[in-house]
């Protein structure tokens, strides 16, 4: 978004990756399909950049709606954006590579390992309210869900794995809370920034998202 309008990005089977631009028309972004992609302003200029994983071709970016560049030859299966090492400027990427673990792509240049275990899912948000985004990482059965704050401190959030995780300032006080779906028999819960747990629903939803709707 550089003109005040967000675009909708979609990947259609057999038709490639497309964008619904300016709430007016569809334009094909790439002829290949992708099931893993996200948007983040990783170069700090213009609008968001698109990060797309193409089967057999690795992980790529579309910078400023103009230039394709490969950032890794391996195909990621988890990609998220956030300001992980600063409170302003370009965003970083958190990327999961099957068999290799979790990595951070920082400052549009540098790959740094975050954890050797490849997670099931990752969510990004400012958990401690200092302006920098932190990570919520689900390592799966036997390891559970952990937070990584300020890129340095790991803390276990729960011993169970989740089916969905979303992060946002629900309470609100400038610090992100964590919504989790623990599946059938456990339901959906909210872990506040204070560490307290509240059950939001006894049923397990199809998915979770956090947004300011009103």
N, C-alpha and C. Protein backbone atom coordinates (compact mmCIF):
# COMPACT_ATOMS: atom_id res chain seq x y z
N UNK A 1 0.84 -1.19 0.00
CA UNK A 1 0.00 0.00 0.00
C UNK A 1 0.88 1.24 0.00
N UNK A 2 0.83 2.06 -1.05
CA UNK A 2 1.51 3.35 -1.07
C UNK A 2 0.54 4.47 -1.40
N UNK A 3 -0.70 4.15 -1.75
CA UNK A 3 -1.68 5.16 -2.11
C UNK A 3 -2.87 5.18 -1.16
N UNK A 4 -2.71 4.56 0.01
CA UNK A 4 -3.80 4.53 0.98
C UNK A 4 -4.73 3.35 0.85
N UNK A 5 -4.50 2.50 -0.14
CA UNK A 5 -5.32 1.32 -0.36
C UNK A 5 -4.48 0.05 -0.23
N UNK A 6 -4.98 -0.91 0.50
CA UNK A 6 -4.34 -2.22 0.52
C UNK A 6 -4.81 -3.04 -0.67
N UNK A 7 -3.96 -3.95 -1.12
CA UNK A 7 -4.32 -4.91 -2.16
C UNK A 7 -4.62 -6.26 -1.53
N UNK A 8 -5.40 -7.06 -2.24
CA UNK A 8 -5.68 -8.44 -1.84
C UNK A 8 -4.81 -9.35 -2.70
N UNK A 9 -4.06 -10.24 -2.07
CA UNK A 9 -3.19 -11.17 -2.80
C UNK A 9 -3.79 -12.57 -2.68
N UNK A 10 -3.87 -13.27 -3.79
CA UNK A 10 -4.45 -14.62 -3.80
C UNK A 10 -3.70 -15.50 -4.78
N UNK A 11 -3.60 -16.79 -4.45
CA UNK A 11 -2.99 -17.77 -5.34
C UNK A 11 -4.06 -18.75 -5.78
N UNK A 12 -4.26 -18.85 -7.09
CA UNK A 12 -5.31 -19.70 -7.65
C UNK A 12 -4.70 -20.91 -8.33
N UNK A 13 -5.23 -22.10 -8.01
CA UNK A 13 -4.72 -23.34 -8.59
C UNK A 13 -4.75 -23.25 -10.12
N UNK A 14 -3.60 -23.51 -10.73
CA UNK A 14 -3.50 -23.51 -12.18
C UNK A 14 -3.42 -22.14 -12.82
N UNK A 15 -3.52 -21.07 -12.02
CA UNK A 15 -3.56 -19.73 -12.59
C UNK A 15 -2.50 -18.78 -12.03
N UNK A 16 -1.81 -19.19 -10.96
CA UNK A 16 -0.75 -18.36 -10.42
C UNK A 16 -1.18 -17.44 -9.30
N UNK A 17 -0.30 -16.47 -8.99
CA UNK A 17 -0.52 -15.51 -7.91
C UNK A 17 -1.03 -14.20 -8.52
N UNK A 18 -2.12 -13.70 -7.92
CA UNK A 18 -2.78 -12.50 -8.45
C UNK A 18 -2.97 -11.47 -7.36
N UNK A 19 -3.11 -10.19 -7.78
CA UNK A 19 -3.42 -9.12 -6.85
C UNK A 19 -4.67 -8.37 -7.28
N UNK A 20 -5.55 -8.10 -6.31
CA UNK A 20 -6.71 -7.23 -6.55
C UNK A 20 -6.27 -5.82 -6.20
N UNK A 21 -5.93 -5.02 -7.25
CA UNK A 21 -5.30 -3.73 -7.07
C UNK A 21 -6.30 -2.59 -6.98
N UNK A 22 -6.10 -1.72 -5.97
CA UNK A 22 -6.87 -0.49 -5.82
C UNK A 22 -8.37 -0.72 -5.80
N UNK A 23 -8.77 -1.92 -5.29
CA UNK A 23 -10.18 -2.26 -5.21
C UNK A 23 -10.88 -2.10 -6.56
N UNK A 24 -10.12 -2.46 -7.64
CA UNK A 24 -10.67 -2.20 -8.98
C UNK A 24 -10.47 -3.33 -9.97
N UNK A 25 -9.30 -4.00 -9.95
CA UNK A 25 -9.04 -4.98 -11.00
C UNK A 25 -8.00 -6.00 -10.55
N UNK A 26 -8.07 -7.19 -11.16
CA UNK A 26 -7.11 -8.25 -10.90
C UNK A 26 -5.93 -8.13 -11.87
N UNK A 27 -4.71 -8.30 -11.34
CA UNK A 27 -3.49 -8.33 -12.14
C UNK A 27 -2.67 -9.54 -11.72
N UNK A 28 -2.20 -10.30 -12.71
CA UNK A 28 -1.39 -11.47 -12.35
C UNK A 28 0.01 -11.03 -11.95
N UNK A 29 0.43 -11.48 -10.77
CA UNK A 29 1.74 -11.15 -10.23
C UNK A 29 2.78 -12.17 -10.67
N UNK A 30 2.38 -13.46 -10.72
CA UNK A 30 3.30 -14.51 -11.17
C UNK A 30 2.47 -15.67 -11.70
N UNK A 31 2.99 -16.34 -12.72
CA UNK A 31 2.25 -17.43 -13.36
C UNK A 31 2.28 -18.72 -12.53
N UNK A 32 3.25 -18.85 -11.61
CA UNK A 32 3.32 -20.03 -10.76
C UNK A 32 2.46 -19.85 -9.52
N UNK A 33 1.92 -20.95 -9.01
CA UNK A 33 1.10 -20.88 -7.80
C UNK A 33 2.00 -20.96 -6.57
N UNK A 34 1.47 -20.54 -5.45
CA UNK A 34 2.18 -20.62 -4.18
C UNK A 34 1.17 -20.80 -3.06
N UNK A 35 1.50 -21.66 -2.09
CA UNK A 35 0.64 -21.83 -0.93
C UNK A 35 1.21 -21.14 0.30
N UNK A 36 2.41 -20.55 0.17
CA UNK A 36 3.05 -19.86 1.29
C UNK A 36 3.50 -18.49 0.81
N UNK A 37 2.86 -17.44 1.33
CA UNK A 37 3.29 -16.08 1.00
C UNK A 37 2.79 -15.12 2.06
N UNK A 38 3.48 -13.98 2.15
CA UNK A 38 3.08 -12.94 3.09
C UNK A 38 3.56 -11.61 2.55
N UNK A 39 3.13 -10.52 3.18
CA UNK A 39 3.56 -9.18 2.81
C UNK A 39 4.25 -8.52 3.99
N UNK A 40 5.37 -7.83 3.71
CA UNK A 40 6.11 -7.11 4.75
C UNK A 40 7.00 -6.09 4.05
N UNK A 41 7.18 -4.95 4.67
CA UNK A 41 8.04 -3.91 4.08
C UNK A 41 9.48 -4.17 4.47
N UNK A 42 10.12 -5.11 3.79
CA UNK A 42 11.44 -5.57 4.20
C UNK A 42 12.57 -4.65 3.73
N UNK A 43 12.30 -3.76 2.77
CA UNK A 43 13.36 -2.84 2.33
C UNK A 43 13.19 -1.43 2.88
N UNK A 44 12.09 -1.20 3.62
CA UNK A 44 11.89 0.09 4.26
C UNK A 44 11.51 1.22 3.34
N UNK A 45 11.23 0.93 2.07
CA UNK A 45 10.84 1.96 1.12
C UNK A 45 9.53 1.58 0.45
N UNK A 46 8.81 2.59 -0.03
CA UNK A 46 7.57 2.34 -0.75
C UNK A 46 6.56 1.62 0.10
N UNK A 47 5.80 0.74 -0.55
CA UNK A 47 4.80 -0.04 0.17
C UNK A 47 5.35 -1.38 0.60
N UNK A 48 4.44 -2.30 0.89
CA UNK A 48 4.85 -3.63 1.31
C UNK A 48 5.51 -4.39 0.16
N UNK A 49 6.42 -5.26 0.52
CA UNK A 49 7.00 -6.21 -0.43
C UNK A 49 6.31 -7.55 -0.24
N UNK A 50 6.26 -8.34 -1.29
CA UNK A 50 5.64 -9.65 -1.25
C UNK A 50 6.71 -10.72 -1.11
N UNK A 51 6.51 -11.64 -0.17
CA UNK A 51 7.42 -12.77 0.02
C UNK A 51 6.66 -14.02 -0.41
N UNK A 52 7.20 -14.75 -1.38
CA UNK A 52 6.49 -15.87 -1.99
C UNK A 52 7.41 -17.08 -2.08
N UNK A 53 6.87 -18.24 -1.75
CA UNK A 53 7.61 -19.49 -1.86
C UNK A 53 7.08 -20.26 -3.06
N UNK A 54 7.98 -20.62 -3.99
CA UNK A 54 7.60 -21.37 -5.18
C UNK A 54 8.19 -22.77 -5.09
N UNK A 55 7.35 -23.77 -5.22
CA UNK A 55 7.79 -25.16 -5.13
C UNK A 55 8.88 -25.45 -6.16
N UNK A 56 10.01 -25.94 -5.67
CA UNK A 56 11.13 -26.27 -6.53
C UNK A 56 12.05 -25.12 -6.85
N UNK A 57 11.70 -23.90 -6.42
CA UNK A 57 12.49 -22.72 -6.78
C UNK A 57 12.92 -21.87 -5.58
N UNK A 58 12.52 -22.24 -4.38
CA UNK A 58 12.96 -21.51 -3.21
C UNK A 58 12.03 -20.40 -2.78
N UNK A 59 12.60 -19.44 -2.03
CA UNK A 59 11.85 -18.35 -1.42
C UNK A 59 12.24 -17.03 -2.08
N UNK A 60 11.24 -16.28 -2.54
CA UNK A 60 11.48 -15.08 -3.34
C UNK A 60 10.76 -13.87 -2.76
N UNK A 61 11.22 -12.68 -3.17
CA UNK A 61 10.52 -11.45 -2.83
C UNK A 61 10.19 -10.68 -4.10
N UNK A 62 9.07 -9.97 -4.04
CA UNK A 62 8.72 -8.99 -5.08
C UNK A 62 8.83 -7.63 -4.41
N UNK A 63 9.90 -6.88 -4.75
CA UNK A 63 10.18 -5.61 -4.09
C UNK A 63 9.44 -4.47 -4.79
N UNK A 64 8.70 -3.69 -4.01
CA UNK A 64 8.05 -2.48 -4.49
C UNK A 64 7.21 -2.71 -5.75
N UNK A 65 6.60 -3.90 -5.80
CA UNK A 65 5.70 -4.25 -6.90
C UNK A 65 6.40 -4.25 -8.25
N UNK A 66 7.75 -4.47 -8.23
CA UNK A 66 8.47 -4.33 -9.49
C UNK A 66 9.54 -5.40 -9.72
N UNK A 67 10.34 -5.74 -8.70
CA UNK A 67 11.54 -6.53 -8.92
C UNK A 67 11.52 -7.82 -8.12
N UNK A 68 11.67 -8.95 -8.82
CA UNK A 68 11.76 -10.25 -8.16
C UNK A 68 13.21 -10.54 -7.78
N UNK A 69 13.41 -11.06 -6.57
CA UNK A 69 14.74 -11.45 -6.11
C UNK A 69 14.63 -12.66 -5.21
N UNK A 70 15.49 -13.65 -5.41
CA UNK A 70 15.50 -14.83 -4.56
C UNK A 70 16.26 -14.51 -3.28
N UNK A 71 15.63 -14.80 -2.11
CA UNK A 71 16.34 -14.59 -0.84
C UNK A 71 16.85 -15.89 -0.26
N UNK A 72 16.33 -17.03 -0.74
CA UNK A 72 16.88 -18.32 -0.30
C UNK A 72 16.50 -19.39 -1.31
N UNK A 73 17.44 -20.33 -1.53
CA UNK A 73 17.19 -21.41 -2.49
C UNK A 73 16.28 -22.50 -1.92
N UNK A 74 16.12 -22.53 -0.59
CA UNK A 74 15.27 -23.52 0.06
C UNK A 74 13.85 -22.99 0.17
N UNK A 75 12.88 -23.88 0.02
CA UNK A 75 11.48 -23.50 0.15
C UNK A 75 11.09 -23.43 1.62
N UNK A 76 10.61 -22.28 2.05
CA UNK A 76 10.09 -22.12 3.40
C UNK A 76 8.66 -22.64 3.45
N UNK A 77 8.22 -23.05 4.64
CA UNK A 77 6.79 -23.38 4.78
C UNK A 77 6.12 -22.54 5.86
N UNK A 78 6.90 -21.63 6.49
CA UNK A 78 6.36 -20.64 7.41
C UNK A 78 7.04 -19.31 7.13
N UNK A 79 6.27 -18.26 6.94
CA UNK A 79 6.84 -16.93 6.71
C UNK A 79 5.96 -15.90 7.40
N UNK A 80 6.58 -15.01 8.19
CA UNK A 80 5.86 -13.92 8.84
C UNK A 80 6.76 -12.71 8.90
N UNK A 81 6.17 -11.52 8.92
CA UNK A 81 6.94 -10.28 8.98
C UNK A 81 6.72 -9.55 10.29
N UNK A 82 7.72 -8.79 10.71
CA UNK A 82 7.60 -7.99 11.92
C UNK A 82 8.86 -7.18 12.15
N UNK A 83 8.76 -6.17 13.02
CA UNK A 83 9.93 -5.37 13.38
C UNK A 83 10.59 -6.03 14.59
N UNK A 84 11.47 -6.97 14.29
CA UNK A 84 12.03 -7.83 15.33
C UNK A 84 13.27 -7.26 15.98
N UNK A 85 13.99 -6.38 15.30
CA UNK A 85 15.22 -5.84 15.89
C UNK A 85 15.19 -4.32 16.01
N UNK A 86 14.04 -3.70 15.73
CA UNK A 86 13.91 -2.25 15.86
C UNK A 86 12.43 -1.90 15.96
N UNK A 87 12.13 -0.71 16.49
CA UNK A 87 10.74 -0.30 16.64
C UNK A 87 10.22 0.46 15.44
N UNK A 88 11.08 0.77 14.48
CA UNK A 88 10.67 1.51 13.29
C UNK A 88 11.53 1.08 12.12
N UNK A 89 11.13 1.52 10.92
CA UNK A 89 11.91 1.21 9.72
C UNK A 89 11.50 -0.08 9.08
N UNK A 90 12.44 -0.70 8.36
CA UNK A 90 12.15 -1.92 7.61
C UNK A 90 11.75 -3.06 8.54
N UNK A 91 10.90 -3.92 8.03
CA UNK A 91 10.51 -5.10 8.77
C UNK A 91 11.45 -6.26 8.48
N UNK A 92 11.51 -7.18 9.41
CA UNK A 92 12.28 -8.42 9.24
C UNK A 92 11.33 -9.56 8.94
N UNK A 93 11.90 -10.69 8.53
CA UNK A 93 11.11 -11.89 8.28
C UNK A 93 11.49 -12.97 9.28
N UNK A 94 10.51 -13.74 9.69
CA UNK A 94 10.76 -14.96 10.45
C UNK A 94 10.34 -16.10 9.55
N UNK A 95 11.25 -17.04 9.30
CA UNK A 95 11.06 -18.04 8.24
C UNK A 95 11.37 -19.43 8.77
N UNK A 96 10.49 -20.37 8.51
CA UNK A 96 10.70 -21.75 8.87
C UNK A 96 11.07 -22.59 7.67
N UNK A 97 12.21 -23.28 7.75
CA UNK A 97 12.67 -24.18 6.70
C UNK A 97 12.59 -25.61 7.21
N UNK A 98 11.74 -26.45 6.62
CA UNK A 98 11.62 -27.84 7.08
C UNK A 98 12.97 -28.55 7.07
N UNK A 99 13.29 -29.16 8.20
CA UNK A 99 14.56 -29.88 8.33
C UNK A 99 15.72 -29.02 8.75
N UNK A 100 15.53 -27.70 8.79
CA UNK A 100 16.63 -26.79 9.14
C UNK A 100 16.32 -25.92 10.35
N UNK A 101 15.05 -25.71 10.65
CA UNK A 101 14.70 -24.90 11.81
C UNK A 101 14.12 -23.55 11.45
N UNK A 102 14.19 -22.64 12.42
CA UNK A 102 13.59 -21.32 12.30
C UNK A 102 14.69 -20.27 12.17
N UNK A 103 14.50 -19.33 11.19
CA UNK A 103 15.51 -18.32 10.91
C UNK A 103 14.89 -16.93 10.84
N UNK A 104 15.72 -15.92 11.10
CA UNK A 104 15.34 -14.53 10.92
C UNK A 104 16.11 -13.95 9.74
N UNK A 105 15.38 -13.27 8.85
CA UNK A 105 16.00 -12.53 7.75
C UNK A 105 15.92 -11.05 8.12
N UNK A 106 17.05 -10.48 8.56
CA UNK A 106 17.05 -9.14 9.14
C UNK A 106 17.67 -8.12 8.22
N UNK A 107 17.11 -6.90 8.26
CA UNK A 107 17.67 -5.74 7.56
C UNK A 107 17.86 -5.99 6.07
N UNK A 108 16.97 -6.80 5.52
CA UNK A 108 16.97 -7.05 4.08
C UNK A 108 18.28 -7.65 3.60
N UNK A 109 18.99 -8.37 4.51
CA UNK A 109 20.32 -8.83 4.12
C UNK A 109 20.81 -10.08 4.81
N UNK A 110 20.53 -10.25 6.11
CA UNK A 110 21.26 -11.23 6.92
C UNK A 110 20.36 -12.32 7.47
N UNK A 111 20.78 -13.57 7.27
CA UNK A 111 20.09 -14.72 7.85
C UNK A 111 20.72 -15.09 9.19
N UNK A 112 19.88 -15.26 10.21
CA UNK A 112 20.35 -15.64 11.54
C UNK A 112 19.48 -16.76 12.08
N UNK A 113 20.07 -17.85 12.59
CA UNK A 113 19.25 -18.92 13.16
C UNK A 113 18.56 -18.47 14.44
N UNK A 114 17.29 -18.84 14.57
CA UNK A 114 16.52 -18.54 15.78
C UNK A 114 16.40 -19.78 16.65
N UNK A 115 16.13 -20.92 16.02
CA UNK A 115 16.05 -22.19 16.76
C UNK A 115 16.25 -23.34 15.78
N UNK A 116 16.91 -24.38 16.26
CA UNK A 116 17.21 -25.53 15.39
C UNK A 116 15.99 -26.42 15.15
N UNK A 117 14.99 -26.32 16.02
CA UNK A 117 13.77 -27.11 15.86
C UNK A 117 12.81 -26.36 14.95
N UNK A 118 12.29 -27.06 13.95
CA UNK A 118 11.33 -26.44 13.05
C UNK A 118 9.95 -26.42 13.71
N UNK A 119 9.31 -25.25 13.82
CA UNK A 119 8.04 -25.15 14.54
C UNK A 119 6.84 -25.54 13.69
N UNK A 120 5.72 -25.75 14.38
CA UNK A 120 4.46 -26.01 13.71
C UNK A 120 3.84 -24.71 13.18
N UNK A 121 3.97 -23.64 13.98
CA UNK A 121 3.39 -22.35 13.61
C UNK A 121 4.08 -21.24 14.40
N UNK A 122 3.98 -20.03 13.85
CA UNK A 122 4.62 -18.86 14.45
C UNK A 122 3.66 -17.67 14.36
N UNK A 123 3.61 -16.86 15.41
CA UNK A 123 2.86 -15.61 15.39
C UNK A 123 3.79 -14.49 15.88
N UNK A 124 3.52 -13.27 15.43
CA UNK A 124 4.39 -12.13 15.71
C UNK A 124 3.59 -11.01 16.38
N UNK A 125 4.13 -10.41 17.44
CA UNK A 125 3.49 -9.29 18.10
C UNK A 125 4.36 -8.74 19.22
N UNK A 126 4.05 -7.52 19.66
CA UNK A 126 4.84 -6.87 20.70
C UNK A 126 4.32 -7.31 22.07
N UNK A 127 4.93 -8.32 22.65
CA UNK A 127 4.45 -8.91 23.89
C UNK A 127 4.78 -8.07 25.13
N UNK A 128 5.87 -7.30 25.08
CA UNK A 128 6.29 -6.56 26.27
C UNK A 128 6.09 -5.05 26.14
N UNK A 129 5.53 -4.60 25.01
CA UNK A 129 5.17 -3.19 24.85
C UNK A 129 6.33 -2.24 24.67
N UNK A 130 7.47 -2.72 24.16
CA UNK A 130 8.62 -1.83 23.98
C UNK A 130 8.77 -1.34 22.54
N UNK A 131 7.78 -1.64 21.68
CA UNK A 131 7.82 -1.18 20.30
C UNK A 131 8.44 -2.16 19.34
N UNK A 132 9.10 -3.20 19.84
CA UNK A 132 9.67 -4.25 18.99
C UNK A 132 8.80 -5.48 19.04
N UNK A 133 8.66 -6.12 17.90
CA UNK A 133 7.86 -7.34 17.86
C UNK A 133 8.62 -8.52 18.45
N UNK A 134 7.86 -9.42 19.07
CA UNK A 134 8.38 -10.66 19.64
C UNK A 134 7.71 -11.83 18.93
N UNK A 135 8.12 -13.04 19.28
CA UNK A 135 7.62 -14.24 18.62
C UNK A 135 6.86 -15.13 19.59
N UNK A 136 5.82 -15.76 19.08
CA UNK A 136 5.15 -16.87 19.76
C UNK A 136 5.33 -18.08 18.85
N UNK A 137 5.99 -19.11 19.35
CA UNK A 137 6.39 -20.25 18.52
C UNK A 137 5.83 -21.54 19.10
N UNK A 138 5.12 -22.29 18.27
CA UNK A 138 4.58 -23.59 18.66
C UNK A 138 5.48 -24.67 18.08
N UNK A 139 6.20 -25.36 18.96
CA UNK A 139 7.14 -26.39 18.51
C UNK A 139 6.49 -27.77 18.41
N UNK A 140 5.21 -27.87 18.73
CA UNK A 140 4.50 -29.12 18.55
C UNK A 140 4.44 -29.98 19.79
N UNK A 141 3.88 -31.17 19.61
CA UNK A 141 3.67 -32.11 20.72
C UNK A 141 4.99 -32.45 21.41
N UNK A 142 4.97 -32.37 22.74
CA UNK A 142 6.14 -32.69 23.54
C UNK A 142 7.00 -31.49 23.89
N UNK A 143 6.89 -30.42 23.10
CA UNK A 143 7.67 -29.22 23.37
C UNK A 143 6.79 -28.03 23.73
N UNK A 144 5.62 -27.96 23.14
CA UNK A 144 4.67 -26.91 23.49
C UNK A 144 4.94 -25.57 22.84
N UNK A 145 4.38 -24.52 23.45
CA UNK A 145 4.38 -23.18 22.89
C UNK A 145 5.28 -22.28 23.72
N UNK A 146 6.12 -21.51 23.04
CA UNK A 146 7.11 -20.67 23.69
C UNK A 146 7.06 -19.25 23.13
N UNK A 147 7.51 -18.27 23.94
CA UNK A 147 7.69 -16.91 23.46
C UNK A 147 9.18 -16.61 23.39
N UNK A 148 9.55 -15.75 22.42
CA UNK A 148 10.91 -15.23 22.33
C UNK A 148 10.80 -13.72 22.33
N UNK A 149 11.20 -13.08 23.41
CA UNK A 149 11.11 -11.63 23.52
C UNK A 149 12.47 -10.98 23.29
N UNK A 150 12.42 -9.89 22.51
CA UNK A 150 13.63 -9.10 22.20
C UNK A 150 14.75 -9.92 21.59
N UNK A 151 14.39 -11.04 20.99
CA UNK A 151 15.36 -11.87 20.31
C UNK A 151 16.33 -12.60 21.22
N UNK A 152 16.05 -12.57 22.55
CA UNK A 152 17.03 -13.14 23.48
C UNK A 152 16.44 -14.11 24.50
N UNK A 153 15.20 -13.91 24.92
CA UNK A 153 14.69 -14.62 26.09
C UNK A 153 13.55 -15.56 25.72
N UNK A 154 13.77 -16.86 25.90
CA UNK A 154 12.74 -17.87 25.67
C UNK A 154 11.99 -18.15 26.97
N UNK A 155 10.66 -18.29 26.87
CA UNK A 155 9.84 -18.66 28.02
C UNK A 155 8.69 -19.53 27.54
N UNK A 156 8.41 -20.61 28.25
CA UNK A 156 7.32 -21.48 27.83
C UNK A 156 5.98 -20.86 28.20
N UNK A 157 5.08 -20.85 27.24
CA UNK A 157 3.73 -20.33 27.45
C UNK A 157 2.79 -21.44 27.86
N UNK A 158 2.92 -22.60 27.20
CA UNK A 158 2.07 -23.74 27.55
C UNK A 158 2.73 -25.02 27.05
N UNK A 159 2.50 -26.11 27.77
CA UNK A 159 3.10 -27.40 27.40
C UNK A 159 2.37 -28.07 26.25
N UNK A 160 1.12 -27.67 26.00
CA UNK A 160 0.36 -28.23 24.89
C UNK A 160 0.71 -27.54 23.58
N UNK A 161 0.45 -28.21 22.46
CA UNK A 161 0.52 -27.58 21.15
C UNK A 161 -0.86 -27.03 20.81
N UNK A 162 -0.93 -26.10 19.88
CA UNK A 162 -2.19 -25.47 19.51
C UNK A 162 -2.52 -25.76 18.05
N UNK A 163 -3.79 -25.61 17.72
CA UNK A 163 -4.21 -25.75 16.32
C UNK A 163 -4.18 -24.41 15.59
N UNK A 164 -4.31 -23.30 16.34
CA UNK A 164 -4.21 -21.96 15.78
C UNK A 164 -3.69 -21.01 16.85
N UNK A 165 -2.94 -19.98 16.42
CA UNK A 165 -2.44 -18.95 17.31
C UNK A 165 -2.61 -17.60 16.63
N UNK A 166 -3.07 -16.60 17.38
CA UNK A 166 -3.14 -15.23 16.88
C UNK A 166 -2.70 -14.30 18.01
N UNK A 167 -2.05 -13.20 17.63
CA UNK A 167 -1.50 -12.26 18.61
C UNK A 167 -2.04 -10.87 18.35
N UNK A 168 -2.44 -10.16 19.41
CA UNK A 168 -2.91 -8.79 19.28
C UNK A 168 -3.22 -8.20 20.65
N UNK A 169 -3.41 -6.88 20.70
CA UNK A 169 -3.63 -6.18 21.95
C UNK A 169 -5.12 -6.21 22.31
N UNK A 170 -5.55 -7.30 22.90
CA UNK A 170 -6.96 -7.53 23.20
C UNK A 170 -7.39 -6.79 24.46
N UNK A 171 -6.51 -6.64 25.43
CA UNK A 171 -6.94 -6.18 26.76
C UNK A 171 -7.45 -4.75 26.92
N UNK A 172 -7.02 -3.67 26.32
CA UNK A 172 -5.75 -3.35 25.64
C UNK A 172 -4.89 -2.47 26.52
N UNK A 173 -3.57 -2.58 26.37
CA UNK A 173 -2.66 -1.75 27.17
C UNK A 173 -1.31 -1.54 26.49
N UNK A 174 -1.27 -1.77 25.17
CA UNK A 174 -0.03 -1.59 24.43
C UNK A 174 0.85 -2.80 24.38
N UNK A 175 0.42 -3.88 25.06
CA UNK A 175 1.17 -5.14 25.01
C UNK A 175 0.28 -6.23 24.43
N UNK A 176 0.83 -7.03 23.55
CA UNK A 176 0.04 -8.03 22.84
C UNK A 176 -0.36 -9.19 23.75
N UNK A 177 -1.58 -9.68 23.55
CA UNK A 177 -2.08 -10.88 24.19
C UNK A 177 -2.10 -12.00 23.14
N UNK A 178 -2.29 -13.24 23.60
CA UNK A 178 -2.19 -14.39 22.71
C UNK A 178 -3.48 -15.20 22.76
N UNK A 179 -4.12 -15.35 21.61
CA UNK A 179 -5.30 -16.21 21.49
C UNK A 179 -4.86 -17.56 20.92
N UNK A 180 -5.32 -18.64 21.56
CA UNK A 180 -4.89 -19.98 21.16
C UNK A 180 -6.08 -20.92 21.10
N UNK A 181 -6.09 -21.76 20.08
CA UNK A 181 -7.06 -22.84 19.98
C UNK A 181 -6.33 -24.14 20.29
N UNK A 182 -6.69 -24.76 21.42
CA UNK A 182 -6.03 -26.00 21.82
C UNK A 182 -6.74 -27.25 21.29
N UNK A 183 -7.76 -27.06 20.47
CA UNK A 183 -8.41 -28.20 19.83
C UNK A 183 -9.58 -28.75 20.62
N UNK A 184 -10.19 -29.79 20.07
CA UNK A 184 -11.36 -30.43 20.68
C UNK A 184 -11.03 -30.90 22.08
N UNK A 185 -11.94 -30.63 23.01
CA UNK A 185 -11.74 -31.02 24.39
C UNK A 185 -11.08 -29.94 25.23
N UNK A 186 -10.51 -28.94 24.59
CA UNK A 186 -9.84 -27.85 25.31
C UNK A 186 -10.42 -26.48 24.97
N UNK A 187 -10.77 -26.28 23.69
CA UNK A 187 -11.37 -25.03 23.28
C UNK A 187 -10.38 -23.90 23.05
N UNK A 188 -10.93 -22.68 23.01
CA UNK A 188 -10.15 -21.48 22.69
C UNK A 188 -9.89 -20.66 23.96
N UNK A 189 -8.65 -20.21 24.10
CA UNK A 189 -8.23 -19.50 25.30
C UNK A 189 -7.48 -18.22 24.93
N UNK A 190 -7.50 -17.27 25.87
CA UNK A 190 -6.72 -16.05 25.75
C UNK A 190 -5.72 -15.98 26.89
N UNK A 191 -4.44 -15.84 26.54
CA UNK A 191 -3.41 -15.60 27.54
C UNK A 191 -3.08 -14.12 27.51
N UNK A 192 -3.39 -13.41 28.58
CA UNK A 192 -3.14 -11.97 28.62
C UNK A 192 -1.66 -11.70 28.84
N UNK A 193 -1.27 -10.44 28.65
CA UNK A 193 0.13 -10.07 28.84
C UNK A 193 0.58 -10.22 30.29
N UNK A 194 -0.37 -10.33 31.21
CA UNK A 194 -0.02 -10.56 32.62
C UNK A 194 0.28 -12.03 32.91
N UNK A 195 -0.04 -12.90 31.96
CA UNK A 195 0.16 -14.33 32.15
C UNK A 195 -1.09 -15.07 32.57
N UNK A 196 -2.20 -14.36 32.80
CA UNK A 196 -3.44 -15.01 33.19
C UNK A 196 -4.14 -15.63 31.98
N UNK A 197 -4.91 -16.70 32.23
CA UNK A 197 -5.60 -17.43 31.19
C UNK A 197 -7.12 -17.26 31.34
N UNK A 198 -7.80 -17.03 30.20
CA UNK A 198 -9.26 -16.93 30.16
C UNK A 198 -9.78 -17.79 29.02
N UNK A 199 -10.73 -18.67 29.32
CA UNK A 199 -11.31 -19.47 28.25
C UNK A 199 -12.34 -18.63 27.50
N UNK A 200 -12.13 -18.46 26.21
CA UNK A 200 -13.03 -17.67 25.39
C UNK A 200 -14.20 -18.48 24.85
N UNK A 201 -13.96 -19.78 24.63
CA UNK A 201 -15.03 -20.65 24.12
C UNK A 201 -14.64 -22.10 24.37
N UNK A 202 -15.65 -22.92 24.65
CA UNK A 202 -15.37 -24.33 24.90
C UNK A 202 -15.19 -25.11 23.60
N UNK A 203 -15.66 -24.57 22.49
CA UNK A 203 -15.50 -25.23 21.20
C UNK A 203 -14.17 -24.85 20.56
N UNK A 204 -13.70 -25.71 19.67
CA UNK A 204 -12.49 -25.45 18.91
C UNK A 204 -12.86 -24.82 17.57
N UNK A 205 -12.42 -23.58 17.28
CA UNK A 205 -12.81 -22.92 16.03
C UNK A 205 -12.02 -23.45 14.83
N UNK A 206 -12.46 -23.07 13.64
CA UNK A 206 -11.75 -23.43 12.41
C UNK A 206 -10.46 -22.62 12.26
N UNK A 207 -10.45 -21.43 12.83
CA UNK A 207 -9.27 -20.58 12.77
C UNK A 207 -9.44 -19.39 13.69
N UNK A 208 -8.35 -18.65 13.92
CA UNK A 208 -8.36 -17.50 14.81
C UNK A 208 -7.66 -16.33 14.13
N UNK A 209 -8.20 -15.13 14.29
CA UNK A 209 -7.54 -13.91 13.88
C UNK A 209 -7.85 -12.83 14.90
N UNK A 210 -6.94 -11.88 15.09
CA UNK A 210 -7.14 -10.75 15.99
C UNK A 210 -7.11 -9.47 15.17
N UNK A 211 -8.14 -8.62 15.30
CA UNK A 211 -8.21 -7.39 14.53
C UNK A 211 -9.05 -6.36 15.26
N UNK A 212 -8.83 -5.07 14.97
CA UNK A 212 -9.62 -3.98 15.56
C UNK A 212 -10.78 -3.68 14.62
N UNK A 213 -11.93 -4.27 14.88
CA UNK A 213 -13.09 -4.14 14.00
C UNK A 213 -13.97 -2.94 14.32
N UNK A 214 -13.85 -2.39 15.54
CA UNK A 214 -14.71 -1.25 15.87
C UNK A 214 -13.95 -0.17 16.63
